[in-house]
Structure formats: structure tokens, C-alpha cells
Amino acid sequence: MLRIIILTISLGLIFYFTHQIGLSQYVHEYKWFILAFFFAISYFNHLLMKFGFANNREYFVQYYLGSIIVRLILSVGFIGIFGYLGTKDIYTFISNFFVLYLCYTSFEISGLYRKLRHIS
């Protein structure tokens, strides 16, 4: 969980300094909502993986695939809600969303791979 917090703080600092660097046109104004969404989803995923790993290790893959499906459904719903509300510059919003989606997903997979490597 500490690694997720460090990732979120690092991405938050990057978002904070984009205005000072002059890259604010590439970052949507709802960047903090997107970051908070991914932090919440990662926290939920961490709890689910911890539960699945502690209780029954043979069903760990089902817990992991279930969490991926839940993340995908919530992500589509998140984009749909902001699109329905008429978010301006929706293409920047979606591109920022998917960049963070890839960051958090790759970070989660690398952490999971590292944890499972010790078991096998």
C-alpha cells in the first residue's frame, strides 16, 4: 500500500508542477478527480488482493481477474459520467485518464509479479 501512496504523491507533484513548467495545456483541469479515482480504485484493489491472497490462494487468480473487471467497469462509468456532464476538452480528459490507467495498472502488475515471484 505504501508503494501506491508514493506513486500517487509522485503523480500529484508532477500534476502540480505542470503549470510552472508550461505543460498545463496537456493536463486537464479535472486531473485531481482522476488521480483521486485511481487512488481509490487501487486501494480497493489492494484490499481485495490482500483478502484473496490471505484466505484462499488457489482462488487468487479469480480475485485478480474480478478486480480487473470491476476496475474496467468503474473506469468506463467514470468517463461516461464526466462525458455526460459536458466536460470541456474531453479528449484531453480521456487521454489523461488512460495515461494514469496505464501507470497504475503497470505499477500494480509489477508489484503483483514481485510478490508472486517469491512464492513460486
Protein backbone atom coordinates (compact mmCIF):
# COMPACT_ATOMS: atom_id res chain seq x y z
CA MET A 1 0.00 0.00 0.00
CA LEU A 2 2.90 2.33 0.68
CA ARG A 3 4.03 1.98 -2.93
CA ILE A 4 0.59 3.12 -4.17
CA ILE A 5 0.72 6.15 -1.89
CA ILE A 6 4.20 7.04 -3.13
CA LEU A 7 3.06 6.67 -6.76
CA THR A 8 0.04 8.90 -6.12
CA ILE A 9 2.11 11.57 -4.39
CA SER A 10 4.66 11.48 -7.22
CA LEU A 11 1.96 11.87 -9.86
CA GLY A 12 0.38 14.63 -7.79
CA LEU A 13 3.66 16.51 -7.70
CA ILE A 14 4.02 16.09 -11.47
CA PHE A 15 0.49 17.47 -11.92
CA TYR A 16 1.23 20.34 -9.57
CA PHE A 17 4.39 21.40 -11.41
CA THR A 18 2.99 21.12 -14.95
CA HIS A 19 1.68 24.67 -14.69
CA GLN A 20 5.07 26.04 -13.64
CA ILE A 21 6.88 24.11 -16.38
CA GLY A 22 4.46 25.30 -19.05
CA LEU A 23 2.80 21.98 -19.86
CA SER A 24 -0.62 22.83 -18.46
CA GLN A 25 -2.26 22.57 -21.90
CA TYR A 26 -1.64 18.81 -21.81
CA VAL A 27 -3.22 18.28 -18.40
CA HIS A 28 -6.97 18.55 -17.87
CA GLU A 29 -8.43 20.73 -15.13
CA TYR A 30 -10.08 17.66 -13.52
CA LYS A 31 -6.72 15.97 -13.03
CA TRP A 32 -7.23 15.79 -9.25
CA PHE A 33 -10.54 13.94 -9.67
CA ILE A 34 -8.86 11.42 -11.96
CA LEU A 35 -5.96 10.96 -9.55
CA ALA A 36 -8.31 10.51 -6.58
CA PHE A 37 -10.36 7.98 -8.57
CA PHE A 38 -7.31 5.89 -9.36
CA PHE A 39 -6.06 6.07 -5.80
CA ALA A 40 -9.45 4.84 -4.54
CA ILE A 41 -9.57 2.05 -7.13
CA SER A 42 -6.00 0.99 -6.28
CA TYR A 43 -6.82 0.97 -2.57
CA PHE A 44 -9.91 -1.18 -3.22
CA ASN A 45 -7.86 -3.48 -5.42
CA HIS A 46 -5.17 -3.77 -2.75
CA LEU A 47 -7.74 -4.77 -0.14
CA LEU A 48 -9.31 -7.31 -2.49
CA MET A 49 -5.94 -8.85 -3.35
CA LYS A 50 -4.97 -8.97 0.31
CA PHE A 51 -8.24 -10.72 1.12
CA GLY A 52 -7.90 -13.16 -1.78
CA PHE A 53 -4.28 -13.89 -1.01
CA ALA A 54 -4.83 -14.44 2.71
CA ASN A 55 -7.96 -16.59 2.62
CA ASN A 56 -7.56 -18.98 -0.25
CA ARG A 57 -4.54 -18.84 -2.52
CA GLU A 58 -5.96 -21.22 -5.10
CA TYR A 59 -8.68 -18.68 -5.97
CA PHE A 60 -6.25 -15.78 -6.19
CA VAL A 61 -6.47 -15.62 -9.99
CA GLN A 62 -10.26 -15.32 -9.82
CA TYR A 63 -9.95 -12.47 -7.30
CA TYR A 64 -7.43 -10.71 -9.54
CA LEU A 65 -9.49 -11.09 -12.71
CA GLY A 66 -12.58 -9.95 -10.82
CA SER A 67 -10.78 -6.84 -9.66
CA ILE A 68 -9.69 -6.09 -13.23
CA ILE A 69 -13.29 -6.37 -14.44
CA VAL A 70 -14.52 -4.11 -11.63
CA ARG A 71 -11.79 -1.58 -12.45
CA LEU A 72 -12.75 -1.60 -16.12
CA ILE A 73 -16.47 -1.15 -15.41
CA LEU A 74 -15.82 1.67 -12.92
CA SER A 75 -13.44 3.34 -15.38
CA VAL A 76 -15.99 3.29 -18.19
CA GLY A 77 -18.60 4.63 -15.77
CA PHE A 78 -16.25 7.39 -14.61
CA ILE A 79 -15.53 8.52 -18.16
CA GLY A 80 -19.22 8.21 -19.03
CA ILE A 81 -20.32 10.38 -16.11
CA PHE A 82 -17.82 13.12 -16.90
CA GLY A 83 -18.72 12.92 -20.58
CA TYR A 84 -22.42 13.17 -19.77
CA LEU A 85 -21.84 16.18 -17.54
CA GLY A 86 -20.37 18.01 -20.53
CA THR A 87 -16.74 18.17 -19.53
CA LYS A 88 -14.94 20.65 -21.74
CA ASP A 89 -11.88 19.43 -23.64
CA ILE A 90 -12.99 15.82 -23.30
CA TYR A 91 -10.13 14.48 -25.45
CA THR A 92 -7.54 15.79 -23.00
CA PHE A 93 -9.58 14.35 -20.15
CA ILE A 94 -9.71 10.90 -21.76
CA SER A 95 -6.03 10.94 -22.70
CA ASN A 96 -5.04 11.92 -19.13
CA PHE A 97 -7.34 9.22 -17.81
CA PHE A 98 -5.79 6.49 -19.94
CA VAL A 99 -2.23 7.58 -19.20
CA LEU A 100 -2.98 7.27 -15.50
CA TYR A 101 -4.82 3.99 -16.13
CA LEU A 102 -1.70 2.57 -17.75
CA CYS A 103 0.55 3.94 -14.99
CA TYR A 104 -1.49 2.45 -12.17
CA THR A 105 -2.10 -0.85 -13.98
CA SER A 106 1.56 -1.37 -14.84
CA PHE A 107 2.55 -0.40 -11.31
CA GLU A 108 0.06 -2.89 -9.90
CA ILE A 109 1.21 -5.69 -12.21
CA SER A 110 4.87 -5.12 -11.37
CA GLY A 111 4.09 -5.22 -7.65
CA LEU A 112 2.00 -8.34 -8.06
CA TYR A 113 4.69 -10.01 -10.13
CA ARG A 114 7.27 -9.20 -7.48
CA LYS A 115 5.05 -10.62 -4.73
CA LEU A 116 4.21 -13.81 -6.64
CA ARG A 117 7.81 -14.44 -7.64
CA HIS A 118 8.73 -15.08 -4.02
CA ILE A 119 6.02 -17.72 -3.69
CA SER A 120 6.83 -19.83 -6.73
